[in-house]
Protein backbone atom coordinates (compact mmCIF):
# COMPACT_ATOMS: atom_id res chain seq x y z
CA MET A 1 157.88 -153.13 21.59
CA ALA A 2 156.74 -154.31 25.01
CA ASP A 3 155.42 -157.86 25.51
CA PHE A 4 151.75 -157.70 26.52
CA SER A 5 151.00 -161.45 26.31
CA ASN A 6 150.95 -162.32 30.03
CA HIS A 7 147.78 -160.59 31.25
CA ILE A 8 145.71 -162.12 34.07
CA HIS A 9 141.96 -161.43 34.20
CA HIS A 10 141.07 -158.97 37.01
CA ALA A 11 144.67 -158.75 38.26
CA LEU A 12 146.59 -155.52 38.72
CA ASP A 13 148.07 -155.11 35.29
CA TYR A 14 149.47 -151.65 34.59
CA VAL A 15 149.93 -148.44 36.55
CA GLU A 16 150.22 -144.93 35.13
CA LEU A 17 151.71 -142.16 37.23
CA PRO A 18 151.32 -138.50 36.32
CA VAL A 19 154.63 -136.61 36.32
CA THR A 20 155.87 -133.13 35.56
CA ASP A 21 159.56 -134.04 34.98
CA PHE A 22 160.45 -137.26 33.16
CA ASP A 23 164.18 -136.95 33.89
CA ALA A 24 163.65 -136.59 37.65
CA VAL A 25 161.34 -139.61 38.00
CA LYS A 26 163.49 -141.77 35.73
CA ALA A 27 166.57 -140.94 37.82
CA PHE A 28 164.65 -141.62 41.04
CA TYR A 29 163.04 -144.95 40.09
CA GLY A 30 166.13 -146.13 38.21
CA GLY A 31 168.31 -145.33 41.24
CA ALA A 32 165.96 -146.62 43.94
CA PHE A 33 164.62 -149.77 42.27
CA GLY A 34 166.68 -150.41 39.12
CA TRP A 35 163.71 -149.83 36.82
CA GLU A 36 164.32 -149.41 33.09
CA PHE A 37 162.32 -147.17 30.77
CA ILE A 38 160.98 -146.97 27.23
CA ASP A 39 160.58 -143.46 25.79
CA TYR A 40 157.56 -143.18 23.48
CA GLY A 41 156.71 -140.36 21.15
CA PRO A 42 158.47 -137.09 20.48
CA GLY A 43 159.78 -135.29 23.49
CA PRO A 44 159.03 -137.99 25.01
CA ALA A 45 155.25 -137.87 25.26
CA TYR A 46 155.08 -141.00 27.43
CA VAL A 47 157.61 -143.18 29.26
CA GLY A 48 156.98 -146.90 29.77
CA ILE A 49 158.21 -148.65 32.93
CA ARG A 50 159.98 -152.01 33.05
CA ALA A 51 160.43 -153.30 36.59
CA GLY A 52 163.30 -155.56 35.63
CA ALA A 53 166.09 -155.81 33.13
CA GLY A 54 166.17 -156.73 29.47
CA ASP A 55 163.01 -158.53 28.36
CA ALA A 56 160.94 -157.67 31.45
CA ALA A 57 157.33 -156.81 30.65
CA GLU A 58 156.19 -153.22 30.69
CA VAL A 59 154.17 -152.80 33.91
CA GLY A 60 153.22 -149.15 33.74
CA GLY A 61 154.14 -145.72 32.55
CA PHE A 62 154.66 -142.06 33.33
CA ARG A 63 152.37 -139.60 31.60
CA LYS A 64 153.23 -135.92 31.29
CA GLU A 65 150.95 -133.54 33.20
CA GLU A 66 151.07 -129.83 34.05
CA ARG A 67 150.79 -130.76 37.75
CA VAL A 68 150.38 -133.93 39.78
CA PRO A 69 147.01 -134.00 41.56
CA ALA A 70 146.89 -134.99 45.23
CA GLY A 71 145.44 -138.35 46.17
CA GLY A 72 144.83 -141.15 43.76
CA PRO A 73 145.52 -144.85 44.17
CA LEU A 74 148.23 -146.08 46.52
CA VAL A 75 150.55 -148.31 44.53
CA LEU A 76 152.51 -150.84 46.57
CA LEU A 77 155.80 -152.34 45.48
CA TYR A 78 157.09 -155.62 46.94
CA SER A 79 160.58 -155.92 48.43
CA THR A 80 162.53 -158.92 49.66
CA GLU A 81 164.73 -156.55 51.74
CA LEU A 82 162.65 -153.68 53.10
CA ASP A 83 165.51 -151.90 54.90
CA ALA A 84 167.63 -151.91 51.73
CA SER A 85 164.69 -150.53 49.75
CA LEU A 86 164.18 -147.79 52.35
CA ARG A 87 167.85 -146.78 52.07
CA ALA A 88 167.68 -146.80 48.26
CA VAL A 89 164.59 -144.57 48.24
CA ARG A 90 166.27 -142.08 50.58
CA GLU A 91 169.53 -142.12 48.58
CA ALA A 92 167.62 -141.52 45.33
CA GLY A 93 165.94 -138.45 46.84
CA GLY A 94 162.54 -139.84 47.83
CA VAL A 95 160.71 -138.32 50.78
CA ILE A 96 159.65 -140.88 53.38
CA THR A 97 156.06 -140.08 54.41
CA GLN A 98 155.63 -143.07 56.76
CA GLU A 99 158.56 -144.86 58.35
CA PRO A 100 158.43 -148.68 58.28
CA PHE A 101 155.49 -150.08 60.24
CA ASP A 102 154.00 -153.49 60.91
CA PHE A 103 150.65 -154.53 59.47
CA PRO A 104 148.93 -157.93 59.37
CA GLY A 105 151.11 -160.04 57.09
CA GLY A 106 154.19 -157.84 56.89
CA ARG A 107 155.89 -154.48 57.15
CA ARG A 108 155.85 -151.46 54.86
CA PHE A 109 156.78 -147.82 54.41
CA HIS A 110 155.42 -145.01 52.24
CA PHE A 111 157.35 -142.43 50.23
CA ARG A 112 156.79 -139.53 47.86
CA ASP A 113 158.62 -139.45 44.52
CA PRO A 114 159.99 -136.26 42.86
CA ALA A 115 156.64 -135.68 41.10
CA GLY A 116 154.69 -135.85 44.38
CA ASN A 117 153.18 -139.34 43.92
CA GLU A 118 152.92 -141.37 47.13
CA LEU A 119 153.73 -145.07 46.93
CA GLY A 120 154.41 -147.82 49.43
CA VAL A 121 156.90 -150.66 49.65
CA TRP A 122 156.05 -153.82 51.59
CA THR A 123 157.49 -157.16 52.57
CA THR A 124 156.06 -160.28 54.17
CA ALA A 125 156.29 -160.82 57.93
C-alpha cells in the first residue's frame, strides 16, 4: 500500500490523468522518466504512479476513460537536466508541442503523452 503520511496543507498533492491505454502510458512514463506503477483493481481499474523507485510515495494515478478530453490542468514536472528529459520524452514516443523556451525563473518544454494529455517539464534558470 502507498504511504500517504507526508501531505502538506494546500500543496499540490496528487494528480490523476485520464487514459485510454494503460500499457501505452506506463511504457511512455516508465521510459521517459523512470516512473514505477501500482496496478489496482481487476483489469486494472486504476494505476497508481510512483515518481521514484522502491518506497517512493504515490503522487498520482491513471484512470481509465473512453476518451481523453481536451484541456484540463497543465501538470509540470521538474528536471535537473532539461535537454536529457527532452530526449527521453522523444525517445519514449512523446509528441513535443512546445520546444524548450525561456520563462522568468527557468526554461521548459511541453509534450503530449500517448493518451493525449499535455504536460510540461521545467528547470531553473
